[in-house]
C-alpha atoms as a PDB file:
ATOM      1  CA  MET A   1       0.026  -0.525   0.255  1.00  0.00           C
ATOM      2  CA  SER A   2       1.799   3.703  -0.942  1.00  0.00           C
ATOM      3  CA  ARG A   3       0.867   6.219   1.104  1.00  0.00           C
ATOM      4  CA  ALA A   4       0.898  10.143   0.749  1.00  0.00           C
ATOM      5  CA  PHE A   5       0.665  12.530   4.172  1.00  0.00           C
ATOM      6  CA  VAL A   6      -1.014  15.830   3.633  1.00  0.00           C
ATOM      7  CA  PHE A   7      -1.001  19.102   4.939  1.00  0.00           C
ATOM      8  CA  PRO A   8      -4.058  21.356   5.220  1.00  0.00           C
ATOM      9  CA  GLY A   9      -4.172  24.950   4.359  1.00  0.00           C
ATOM     10  CA  GLN A  10      -6.001  28.276   5.635  1.00  0.00           C
ATOM     11  CA  GLY A  11      -9.905  27.491   6.488  1.00  0.00           C
ATOM     12  CA  ALA A  12      -8.319  24.324   8.990  1.00  0.00           C
ATOM     13  CA  GLN A  13      -7.755  26.540  11.750  1.00  0.00           C
ATOM     14  CA  THR A  14     -10.096  26.602  14.998  1.00  0.00           C
ATOM     15  CA  ILE A  15      -9.058  27.492  18.549  1.00  0.00           C
ATOM     16  CA  GLY A  16      -7.569  24.395  20.596  1.00  0.00           C
ATOM     17  CA  MET A  17      -6.474  22.420  17.622  1.00  0.00           C
ATOM     18  CA  GLY A  18      -3.266  21.181  18.395  1.00  0.00           C
ATOM     19  CA  ARG A  19      -3.191  21.368  22.101  1.00  0.00           C
ATOM     20  CA  ALA A  20      -4.266  17.907  23.003  1.00  0.00           C
ATOM     21  CA  LEU A  21      -0.803  16.864  21.400  1.00  0.00           C
ATOM     22  CA  ALA A  22       1.119  19.135  22.759  1.00  0.00           C
ATOM     23  CA  LEU A  23      -0.594  17.663  25.905  1.00  0.00           C
ATOM     24  CA  ALA A  24      -0.087  14.320  24.912  1.00  0.00           C
ATOM     25  CA  TYR A  25       2.934  14.534  23.444  1.00  0.00           C
ATOM     26  CA  PRO A  26       6.485  16.292  24.541  1.00  0.00           C
ATOM     27  CA  ALA A  27       7.494  16.264  20.787  1.00  0.00           C
ATOM     28  CA  ALA A  28       4.618  18.127  19.728  1.00  0.00           C
ATOM     29  CA  HIS A  29       5.112  20.754  22.566  1.00  0.00           C
ATOM     30  CA  ALA A  30       8.081  21.580  21.577  1.00  0.00           C
ATOM     31  CA  VAL A  31       6.839  22.135  18.133  1.00  0.00           C
ATOM     32  CA  PHE A  32       4.598  24.982  19.564  1.00  0.00           C
ATOM     33  CA  ASP A  33       7.618  26.648  21.648  1.00  0.00           C
ATOM     34  CA  GLU A  34       9.705  26.938  18.425  1.00  0.00           C
ATOM     35  CA  VAL A  35       6.974  28.680  16.083  1.00  0.00           C
ATOM     36  CA  ASP A  36       6.326  30.866  19.723  1.00  0.00           C
ATOM     37  CA  ALA A  37      10.266  31.606  19.649  1.00  0.00           C
ATOM     38  CA  ALA A  38      10.737  32.035  15.993  1.00  0.00           C
ATOM     39  CA  LEU A  39       8.167  34.273  15.906  1.00  0.00           C
ATOM     40  CA  GLY A  40       9.209  36.335  18.874  1.00  0.00           C
ATOM     41  CA  GLU A  41       5.380  36.103  20.072  1.00  0.00           C
ATOM     42  CA  ASN A  42       3.145  33.026  21.839  1.00  0.00           C
ATOM     43  CA  LEU A  43       1.004  32.671  19.071  1.00  0.00           C
ATOM     44  CA  SER A  44       0.250  29.045  20.877  1.00  0.00           C
ATOM     45  CA  ALA A  45      -1.905  31.492  23.514  1.00  0.00           C
ATOM     46  CA  LEU A  46      -3.771  32.458  20.375  1.00  0.00           C
ATOM     47  CA  ILE A  47      -4.418  29.156  19.023  1.00  0.00           C
ATOM     48  CA  TRP A  48      -5.224  27.775  21.974  1.00  0.00           C
ATOM     49  CA  GLU A  49      -7.174  30.263  23.949  1.00  0.00           C
ATOM     50  CA  GLY A  50      -7.514  33.090  21.474  1.00  0.00           C
ATOM     51  CA  GLU A  51     -10.699  34.340  19.772  1.00  0.00           C
ATOM     52  CA  ILE A  52     -11.156  32.755  16.187  1.00  0.00           C
ATOM     53  CA  GLU A  53     -10.962  36.628  14.950  1.00  0.00           C
ATOM     54  CA  THR A  54      -7.186  37.572  15.091  1.00  0.00           C
ATOM     55  CA  LEU A  55      -6.699  33.617  14.658  1.00  0.00           C
ATOM     56  CA  THR A  56      -8.642  33.710  10.999  1.00  0.00           C
ATOM     57  CA  LEU A  57      -6.305  36.754  10.379  1.00  0.00           C
ATOM     58  CA  THR A  58      -3.616  35.632   7.384  1.00  0.00           C
ATOM     59  CA  ALA A  59      -0.741  36.419   9.062  1.00  0.00           C
ATOM     60  CA  ASN A  60      -1.341  33.944  12.585  1.00  0.00           C
ATOM     61  CA  ALA A  61      -3.765  31.598  10.383  1.00  0.00           C
ATOM     62  CA  GLN A  62      -0.292  30.318   8.067  1.00  0.00           C
ATOM     63  CA  PRO A  63       2.106  29.849  10.639  1.00  0.00           C
ATOM     64  CA  ALA A  64      -0.728  28.380  13.767  1.00  0.00           C
ATOM     65  CA  LEU A  65      -1.906  25.810  10.732  1.00  0.00           C
ATOM     66  CA  MET A  66       1.878  24.754  10.271  1.00  0.00           C
ATOM     67  CA  ALA A  67       2.203  24.592  13.627  1.00  0.00           C
ATOM     68  CA  THR A  68      -0.899  22.305  13.906  1.00  0.00           C
ATOM     69  CA  SER A  69       0.821  20.075  11.327  1.00  0.00           C
ATOM     70  CA  MET A  70       3.848  19.778  12.328  1.00  0.00           C
ATOM     71  CA  ALA A  71       2.893  18.805  16.170  1.00  0.00           C
ATOM     72  CA  ALA A  72       1.091  16.088  14.153  1.00  0.00           C
ATOM     73  CA  MET A  73       3.542  14.696  12.911  1.00  0.00           C
ATOM     74  CA  ARG A  74       6.302  14.989  15.659  1.00  0.00           C
ATOM     75  CA  ALA A  75       3.021  12.607  17.199  1.00  0.00           C
ATOM     76  CA  LEU A  76       2.898  10.268  14.737  1.00  0.00           C
ATOM     77  CA  GLU A  77       7.130  10.350  14.655  1.00  0.00           C
ATOM     78  CA  ALA A  78       6.996   9.739  18.780  1.00  0.00           C
ATOM     79  CA  GLU A  79       4.988   6.155  17.595  1.00  0.00           C
ATOM     80  CA  GLY A  80       7.323   5.201  14.948  1.00  0.00           C
ATOM     81  CA  PHE A  81       5.702   6.725  12.095  1.00  0.00           C
ATOM     82  CA  ALA A  82       8.103   8.324  10.517  1.00  0.00           C
ATOM     83  CA  VAL A  83       8.067  11.147   6.794  1.00  0.00           C
ATOM     84  CA  THR A  84       9.364   8.283   4.624  1.00  0.00           C
ATOM     85  CA  ASP A  85       6.692   5.893   5.405  1.00  0.00           C
ATOM     86  CA  ALA A  86       5.455   8.202   2.268  1.00  0.00           C
ATOM     87  CA  ALA A  87       6.009   8.088  -0.878  1.00  0.00           C
ATOM     88  CA  PHE A  88       5.016  11.397  -1.740  1.00  0.00           C
ATOM     89  CA  VAL A  89       4.026  14.592   0.843  1.00  0.00           C
ATOM     90  CA  ALA A  90       2.030  17.164  -0.836  1.00  0.00           C
ATOM     91  CA  GLY A  91       0.164  20.607   1.091  1.00  0.00           C
ATOM     92  CA  HIS A  92      -2.764  22.763  -0.271  1.00  0.00           C
ATOM     93  CA  SER A  93      -1.330  26.553  -0.743  1.00  0.00           C
ATOM     94  CA  LEU A  94       0.038  27.189   2.810  1.00  0.00           C
ATOM     95  CA  GLY A  95       0.310  24.008   3.786  1.00  0.00           C
ATOM     96  CA  GLU A  96       2.863  23.179   1.519  1.00  0.00           C
ATOM     97  CA  TYR A  97       5.118  24.739   3.905  1.00  0.00           C
ATOM     98  CA  SER A  98       3.898  21.994   6.193  1.00  0.00           C
ATOM     99  CA  ALA A  99       4.735  19.808   3.927  1.00  0.00           C
ATOM    100  CA  LEU A 100       8.077  20.639   2.700  1.00  0.00           C
ATOM    101  CA  CYS A 101       9.131  21.294   6.886  1.00  0.00           C
ATOM    102  CA  ALA A 102       7.664  17.305   7.385  1.00  0.00           C
ATOM    103  CA  ALA A 103      10.234  16.518   4.936  1.00  0.00           C
ATOM    104  CA  GLY A 104      12.877  18.127   6.919  1.00  0.00           C
ATOM    105  CA  SER A 105      13.456  20.437   3.622  1.00  0.00           C
ATOM    106  CA  VAL A 106      12.993  23.717   6.226  1.00  0.00           C
ATOM    107  CA  SER A 107      13.193  24.033  10.197  1.00  0.00           C
ATOM    108  CA  VAL A 108      10.256  24.408  11.932  1.00  0.00           C
ATOM    109  CA  GLY A 109      12.021  28.374  12.839  1.00  0.00           C
ATOM    110  CA  ASP A 110      11.955  29.337   9.139  1.00  0.00           C
ATOM    111  CA  ALA A 111       8.598  27.911   8.081  1.00  0.00           C
ATOM    112  CA  ALA A 112       6.924  30.129  10.765  1.00  0.00           C
ATOM    113  CA  LYS A 113       8.961  33.164   9.920  1.00  0.00           C
ATOM    114  CA  LEU A 114       8.273  32.786   5.852  1.00  0.00           C
ATOM    115  CA  LEU A 115       4.523  31.892   6.379  1.00  0.00           C
ATOM    116  CA  ARG A 116       4.574  35.448   8.941  1.00  0.00           C
ATOM    117  CA  VAL A 117       5.954  36.822   6.046  1.00  0.00           C
ATOM    118  CA  ARG A 118       3.437  35.224   3.144  1.00  0.00           C
ATOM    119  CA  GLY A 119       0.346  35.763   5.223  1.00  0.00           C
ATOM    120  CA  SER A 120       1.320  39.166   5.958  1.00  0.00           C
ATOM    121  CA  ALA A 121       2.413  39.924   2.370  1.00  0.00           C
ATOM    122  CA  MET A 122      -0.227  38.973   0.720  1.00  0.00           C
ATOM    123  CA  GLN A 123      -3.111  40.650   2.937  1.00  0.00           C
ATOM    124  CA  SER A 124      -1.406  44.182   2.432  1.00  0.00           C
ATOM    125  CA  ALA A 125      -0.737  43.416  -1.539  1.00  0.00           C
ATOM    126  CA  VAL A 126      -4.866  43.801  -1.953  1.00  0.00           C
ATOM    127  CA  PRO A 127      -6.811  46.782   0.206  1.00  0.00           C
ATOM    128  CA  VAL A 128      -9.454  45.075   2.234  1.00  0.00           C
ATOM    129  CA  GLY A 129     -12.535  45.076  -0.578  1.00  0.00           C
ATOM    130  CA  VAL A 130     -10.951  46.078  -3.545  1.00  0.00           C
ATOM    131  CA  GLY A 131     -10.976  42.233  -4.287  1.00  0.00           C
ATOM    132  CA  ALA A 132     -12.474  38.506  -3.324  1.00  0.00           C
ATOM    133  CA  MET A 133     -12.609  34.839  -3.891  1.00  0.00           C
ATOM    134  CA  ALA A 134     -15.972  32.724  -5.118  1.00  0.00           C
ATOM    135  CA  ALA A 135     -16.314  28.905  -4.989  1.00  0.00           C
ATOM    136  CA  LEU A 136     -17.874  27.417  -7.887  1.00  0.00           C
ATOM    137  CA  LEU A 137     -20.169  24.203  -7.080  1.00  0.00           C
ATOM    138  CA  GLY A 138     -20.569  21.621  -9.903  1.00  0.00           C
ATOM    139  CA  LEU A 139     -18.112  23.101 -12.845  1.00  0.00           C
ATOM    140  CA  ASP A 140     -14.792  21.618 -14.387  1.00  0.00           C
ATOM    141  CA  PHE A 141     -12.039  23.328 -13.985  1.00  0.00           C
ATOM    142  CA  ALA A 142     -12.127  23.915 -18.079  1.00  0.00           C
ATOM    143  CA  THR A 143     -15.720  24.855 -17.636  1.00  0.00           C
ATOM    144  CA  ALA A 144     -14.461  27.449 -14.781  1.00  0.00           C
ATOM    145  CA  ALA A 145     -11.278  28.857 -16.239  1.00  0.00           C
ATOM    146  CA  GLU A 146     -13.699  30.007 -18.898  1.00  0.00           C
ATOM    147  CA  VAL A 147     -16.075  31.756 -16.647  1.00  0.00           C
ATOM    148  CA  ALA A 148     -13.380  33.569 -15.152  1.00  0.00           C
ATOM    149  CA  ALA A 149     -11.859  34.680 -18.202  1.00  0.00           C
ATOM    150  CA  GLU A 150     -14.966  36.065 -19.747  1.00  0.00           C
ATOM    151  CA  ALA A 151     -16.212  37.574 -16.276  1.00  0.00           C
ATOM    152  CA  ALA A 152     -12.683  39.545 -15.927  1.00  0.00           C
ATOM    153  CA  GLN A 153     -13.016  41.961 -18.852  1.00  0.00           C
ATOM    154  CA  ASP A 154     -10.811  44.821 -17.871  1.00  0.00           C
ATOM    155  CA  ASP A 155     -10.074  43.426 -14.138  1.00  0.00           C
ATOM    156  CA  VAL A 156      -8.638  40.319 -13.099  1.00  0.00           C
ATOM    157  CA  CYS A 157     -10.083  37.474 -12.614  1.00  0.00           C
ATOM    158  CA  GLN A 158      -8.874  33.409 -11.916  1.00  0.00           C
ATOM    159  CA  ALA A 159      -8.963  30.182 -11.389  1.00  0.00           C
ATOM    160  CA  ALA A 160      -7.380  30.223  -8.738  1.00  0.00           C
ATOM    161  CA  ASN A 161      -8.120  26.623  -6.285  1.00  0.00           C
ATOM    162  CA  ASP A 162      -8.849  23.612  -9.082  1.00  0.00           C
ATOM    163  CA  ASN A 163      -9.651  21.680  -5.450  1.00  0.00           C
ATOM    164  CA  ASP A 164     -11.690  18.653  -6.907  1.00  0.00           C
ATOM    165  CA  PRO A 165     -13.927  17.705  -9.291  1.00  0.00           C
ATOM    166  CA  ALA A 166     -16.595  19.765  -8.336  1.00  0.00           C
ATOM    167  CA  GLN A 167     -14.926  22.608  -6.904  1.00  0.00           C
ATOM    168  CA  VAL A 168     -13.149  25.310  -8.480  1.00  0.00           C
ATOM    169  CA  VAL A 169     -12.382  28.895  -6.367  1.00  0.00           C
ATOM    170  CA  VAL A 170     -11.695  31.727  -8.514  1.00  0.00           C
ATOM    171  CA  SER A 171     -10.143  34.931  -7.350  1.00  0.00           C
ATOM    172  CA  GLY A 172      -9.719  38.819  -8.846  1.00  0.00           C
ATOM    173  CA  ASP A 173     -10.863  42.091  -8.596  1.00  0.00           C
ATOM    174  CA  LYS A 174     -14.444  41.782  -6.595  1.00  0.00           C
ATOM    175  CA  ALA A 175     -16.628  43.132  -9.560  1.00  0.00           C
ATOM    176  CA  ALA A 176     -15.124  40.833 -11.236  1.00  0.00           C
ATOM    177  CA  VAL A 177     -15.150  37.856  -9.054  1.00  0.00           C
ATOM    178  CA  GLU A 178     -19.158  39.168  -8.456  1.00  0.00           C
ATOM    179  CA  ARG A 179     -19.725  38.686 -12.824  1.00  0.00           C
ATOM    180  CA  ALA A 180     -17.833  35.137 -12.134  1.00  0.00           C
ATOM    181  CA  VAL A 181     -20.703  34.378  -9.449  1.00  0.00           C
ATOM    182  CA  GLU A 182     -23.514  34.922 -12.067  1.00  0.00           C
ATOM    183  CA  ILE A 183     -21.865  33.461 -15.416  1.00  0.00           C
ATOM    184  CA  ALA A 184     -21.466  30.028 -13.313  1.00  0.00           C
ATOM    185  CA  LYS A 185     -24.902  29.587 -12.266  1.00  0.00           C
ATOM    186  CA  THR A 186     -25.642  30.442 -16.229  1.00  0.00           C
ATOM    187  CA  ARG A 187     -23.305  27.599 -17.437  1.00  0.00           C
ATOM    188  CA  GLY A 188     -24.468  25.134 -14.537  1.00  0.00           C
ATOM    189  CA  ALA A 189     -23.083  25.621 -11.156  1.00  0.00           C
ATOM    190  CA  LYS A 190     -24.857  23.816  -8.985  1.00  0.00           C
ATOM    191  CA  ARG A 191     -24.120  26.980  -6.832  1.00  0.00           C
ATOM    192  CA  ALA A 192     -21.518  29.487  -6.305  1.00  0.00           C
ATOM    193  CA  VAL A 193     -21.312  31.473  -3.803  1.00  0.00           C
ATOM    194  CA  MET A 194     -19.081  34.867  -2.021  1.00  0.00           C
ATOM    195  CA  LEU A 195     -16.106  33.558   0.271  1.00  0.00           C
ATOM    196  CA  PRO A 196     -14.851  34.644   3.397  1.00  0.00           C
ATOM    197  CA  VAL A 197     -11.825  35.960   2.977  1.00  0.00           C
ATOM    198  CA  SER A 198      -9.715  38.754   3.180  1.00  0.00           C
ATOM    199  CA  ALA A 199      -7.878  38.782   0.392  1.00  0.00           C
ATOM    200  CA  PRO A 200      -7.763  37.674  -3.713  1.00  0.00           C
ATOM    201  CA  PHE A 201      -5.543  34.261  -2.921  1.00  0.00           C
ATOM    202  CA  HIS A 202      -3.568  32.933  -6.474  1.00  0.00           C
ATOM    203  CA  CYS A 203      -4.687  35.245  -8.277  1.00  0.00           C
ATOM    204  CA  ALA A 204      -2.071  37.994 -10.279  1.00  0.00           C
ATOM    205  CA  LEU A 205      -3.302  40.694  -7.866  1.00  0.00           C
ATOM    206  CA  MET A 206      -1.009  38.911  -5.212  1.00  0.00           C
ATOM    207  CA  GLN A 207       2.284  39.987  -7.337  1.00  0.00           C
ATOM    208  CA  PRO A 208       3.556  42.179  -4.606  1.00  0.00           C
ATOM    209  CA  ALA A 209       3.334  39.134  -1.730  1.00  0.00           C
ATOM    210  CA  ALA A 210       5.664  37.148  -5.155  1.00  0.00           C
ATOM    211  CA  GLU A 211       7.880  39.351  -4.188  1.00  0.00           C
ATOM    212  CA  ALA A 212       8.274  40.113  -0.610  1.00  0.00           C
ATOM    213  CA  MET A 213       8.877  35.950  -0.663  1.00  0.00           C
ATOM    214  CA  ALA A 214      11.448  36.103  -3.047  1.00  0.00           C
ATOM    215  CA  GLU A 215      13.303  38.144  -1.061  1.00  0.00           C
ATOM    216  CA  ALA A 216      12.501  36.278   1.938  1.00  0.00           C
ATOM    217  CA  LEU A 217      13.025  32.875   0.357  1.00  0.00           C
ATOM    218  CA  ALA A 218      16.682  34.105  -0.512  1.00  0.00           C
ATOM    219  CA  GLY A 219      17.934  34.116   2.707  1.00  0.00           C
ATOM    220  CA  VAL A 220      16.540  30.497   4.150  1.00  0.00           C
ATOM    221  CA  ALA A 221      18.401  27.233   3.934  1.00  0.00           C
ATOM    222  CA  ILE A 222      16.682  24.691   1.817  1.00  0.00           C
ATOM    223  CA  ALA A 223      17.602  21.429   1.969  1.00  0.00           C
ATOM    224  CA  ALA A 224      16.066  18.187  -0.158  1.00  0.00           C
ATOM    225  CA  PRO A 225      13.426  16.706   1.002  1.00  0.00           C
ATOM    226  CA  LYS A 226      13.362  13.508   2.404  1.00  0.00           C
ATOM    227  CA  VAL A 227      10.911  11.986   0.407  1.00  0.00           C
ATOM    228  CA  PRO A 228       9.171  13.778  -2.854  1.00  0.00           C
ATOM    229  CA  VAL A 229       7.455  16.527  -2.473  1.00  0.00           C
ATOM    230  CA  VAL A 230       4.105  17.249  -5.393  1.00  0.00           C
ATOM    231  CA  ALA A 231       4.275  20.859  -5.931  1.00  0.00           C
ATOM    232  CA  ASN A 232       0.934  22.978  -6.363  1.00  0.00           C
ATOM    233  CA  VAL A 233       2.114  24.613  -9.211  1.00  0.00           C
ATOM    234  CA  ARG A 234       3.288  21.689 -10.668  1.00  0.00           C
ATOM    235  CA  ALA A 235       1.280  18.994  -9.414  1.00  0.00           C
ATOM    236  CA  GLU A 236       4.601  16.765  -9.770  1.00  0.00           C
ATOM    237  CA  ALA A 237       6.838  16.330  -6.763  1.00  0.00           C
ATOM    238  CA  VAL A 238      10.039  18.242  -7.114  1.00  0.00           C
ATOM    239  CA  SER A 239      12.834  17.521  -4.578  1.00  0.00           C
ATOM    240  CA  ASP A 240      15.839  19.974  -5.801  1.00  0.00           C
ATOM    241  CA  PRO A 241      15.801  22.987  -3.422  1.00  0.00           C
ATOM    242  CA  GLU A 242      16.140  25.350  -5.691  1.00  0.00           C
ATOM    243  CA  MET A 243      14.099  24.376  -7.906  1.00  0.00           C
ATOM    244  CA  ILE A 244      11.425  24.301  -4.860  1.00  0.00           C
ATOM    245  CA  ARG A 245      12.285  27.824  -4.091  1.00  0.00           C
ATOM    246  CA  LYS A 246      11.414  29.125  -7.283  1.00  0.00           C
ATOM    247  CA  LEU A 247       7.913  26.746  -6.620  1.00  0.00           C
ATOM    248  CA  LEU A 248       7.218  28.997  -3.736  1.00  0.00           C
ATOM    249  CA  VAL A 249       7.224  31.742  -5.168  1.00  0.00           C
ATOM    250  CA  GLU A 250       5.396  30.954  -8.362  1.00  0.00           C
ATOM    251  CA  GLN A 251       2.535  29.449  -5.738  1.00  0.00           C
ATOM    252  CA  VAL A 252       2.328  32.660  -4.090  1.00  0.00           C
ATOM    253  CA  THR A 253       0.332  34.062  -7.862  1.00  0.00           C
ATOM    254  CA  GLY A 254      -0.473  30.472  -9.335  1.00  0.00           C
ATOM    255  CA  SER A 255      -3.156  27.655  -9.311  1.00  0.00           C
ATOM    256  CA  VAL A 256      -3.091  25.455  -6.127  1.00  0.00           C
ATOM    257  CA  ARG A 257      -3.856  22.603  -8.663  1.00  0.00           C
ATOM    258  CA  TRP A 258      -5.142  19.609  -5.639  1.00  0.00           C
ATOM    259  CA  ARG A 259      -6.913  17.947  -8.122  1.00  0.00           C
ATOM    260  CA  GLU A 260      -3.913  17.330 -10.268  1.00  0.00           C
ATOM    261  CA  SER A 261      -1.650  16.591  -7.873  1.00  0.00           C
ATOM    262  CA  VAL A 262      -4.130  14.016  -6.288  1.00  0.00           C
ATOM    263  CA  GLU A 263      -4.437  12.799  -9.252  1.00  0.00           C
ATOM    264  CA  TRP A 264      -0.905  12.694 -10.117  1.00  0.00           C
ATOM    265  CA  MET A 265      -0.077  10.635  -6.908  1.00  0.00           C
ATOM    266  CA  VAL A 266      -2.373   8.462  -7.659  1.00  0.00           C
ATOM    267  CA  GLY A 267      -0.937   7.758 -10.841  1.00  0.00           C
ATOM    268  CA  GLN A 268       2.096   6.937  -9.270  1.00  0.00           C
ATOM    269  CA  GLY A 269       0.483   4.403  -7.531  1.00  0.00           C
ATOM    270  CA  VAL A 270      -0.259   5.911  -3.906  1.00  0.00           C
ATOM    271  CA  THR A 271      -3.679   4.529  -2.305  1.00  0.00           C
ATOM    272  CA  GLU A 272      -3.824   5.587   0.856  1.00  0.00           C
ATOM    273  CA  PHE A 273      -3.843   9.702   2.098  1.00  0.00           C
ATOM    274  CA  TRP A 274      -3.302  10.808   5.432  1.00  0.00           C
ATOM    275  CA  GLU A 275      -3.795  14.594   6.474  1.00  0.00           C
ATOM    276  CA  ILE A 276      -2.044  15.776   8.743  1.00  0.00           C
ATOM    277  CA  GLY A 277      -3.450  18.480  10.956  1.00  0.00           C
ATOM    278  CA  ALA A 278      -6.471  20.337  11.530  1.00  0.00           C
ATOM    279  CA  GLY A 279      -9.547  19.413  10.244  1.00  0.00           C
ATOM    280  CA  LYS A 280     -10.850  16.899   7.326  1.00  0.00           C
ATOM    281  CA  ALA A 281     -11.327  19.162   4.336  1.00  0.00           C
ATOM    282  CA  LEU A 282      -8.572  17.693   2.066  1.00  0.00           C
ATOM    283  CA  SER A 283      -9.794  14.465   3.579  1.00  0.00           C
ATOM    284  CA  GLY A 284     -13.049  15.481   1.592  1.00  0.00           C
ATOM    285  CA  MET A 285     -11.877  16.531  -1.415  1.00  0.00           C
ATOM    286  CA  VAL A 286      -9.414  13.701  -1.882  1.00  0.00           C
ATOM    287  CA  LYS A 287     -12.749  11.469  -1.514  1.00  0.00           C
ATOM    288  CA  ARG A 288     -14.630  13.268  -4.525  1.00  0.00           C
ATOM    289  CA  ILE A 289     -10.851  13.178  -6.694  1.00  0.00           C
ATOM    290  CA  ALA A 290      -9.651   9.597  -5.971  1.00  0.00           C
ATOM    291  CA  LYS A 291     -12.345   7.486  -4.732  1.00  0.00           C
ATOM    292  CA  GLU A 292     -10.544   4.548  -4.618  1.00  0.00           C
ATOM    293  CA  THR A 293      -8.174   5.354  -1.652  1.00  0.00           C
ATOM    294  CA  THR A 294      -8.639   5.687   1.575  1.00  0.00           C
ATOM    295  CA  GLN A 295      -8.555   8.635   4.156  1.00  0.00           C
ATOM    296  CA  ARG A 296      -7.454   9.093   7.674  1.00  0.00           C
ATOM    297  CA  ALA A 297      -7.128  12.643   9.377  1.00  0.00           C
ATOM    298  CA  VAL A 298      -4.500  12.983  12.332  1.00  0.00           C
ATOM    299  CA  GLY A 299      -5.563  16.061  14.270  1.00  0.00           C
ATOM    300  CA  THR A 300      -5.752  14.235  18.080  1.00  0.00           C
ATOM    301  CA  PRO A 301      -3.473  12.202  19.677  1.00  0.00           C
ATOM    302  CA  GLU A 302      -7.262   9.209  19.290  1.00  0.00           C
ATOM    303  CA  ASP A 303      -6.538   9.458  15.528  1.00  0.00           C
ATOM    304  CA  VAL A 304      -2.933   8.779  15.730  1.00  0.00           C
ATOM    305  CA  ALA A 305      -3.543   6.059  19.015  1.00  0.00           C
ATOM    306  CA  ALA A 306      -5.670   4.382  16.412  1.00  0.00           C
ATOM    307  CA  LEU A 307      -3.806   4.046  13.478  1.00  0.00           C
ATOM    308  CA  LYS A 308      -1.216   1.921  16.215  1.00  0.00           C
ATOM    309  CA  GLY A 309      -4.427  -0.217  16.407  1.00  0.00           C
END
């Protein structure tokens, strides 16, 4: 049985996530301590007992979700599981940093600092209210891309996240995204809804954030991963550190090719996907993409214990 470890992106955050892991496993607690030290603040307190509105701010949510994923990874390792038990690792958007961290490419501290820069830069790239994102449900990617192109007119509107066979997220200028929602309904979408996000991620409007990430990544050591990382913008595995660095910059403005990434891994023989960290959103997507695979969510001590059974 071939396995992949996958790591969630923004939207999975909840108050209290990772706390039970930190209490049960010293190695998991050490992850949160390392993130707090790297950022010079007590992010753990916000994650475990703060306000969800503050945790959901992009600059907080991104390092917080990585910390929770890595805490789950350390718990697995404490029970005898290793990243090398997986044929591939992959993450959805910011989850790609968690995947790289799990694979030993980037340190926990560096990942936290990079994600703080990434979250802040993505938030400040576009003034609040200027950009938007919407989920188009019931359309395939090709149709959704056509809808986005038609809606763009003189604005930006791009297919940003190809999540699964019937869920594509578009991103861009608010007026254009609103047009896309209306056009999608005429093209057969089951639903088309604006998303409660603070910025238009994964589109050309994020170019200032891409430039900030190029600068931040230039100063960070990236090692060859212990297992290949399936990159969002390529939907195939990469292992060369300089290519990883380049693709992390491209990822800020590029599409998250999640459906294709999962299909590629299945094509390489993967039959089982373990979602490492908060929530079960990716498990649902994987099930819709590749019905023949099995999915397991690993985010609590109980989840880890179940794997040992």
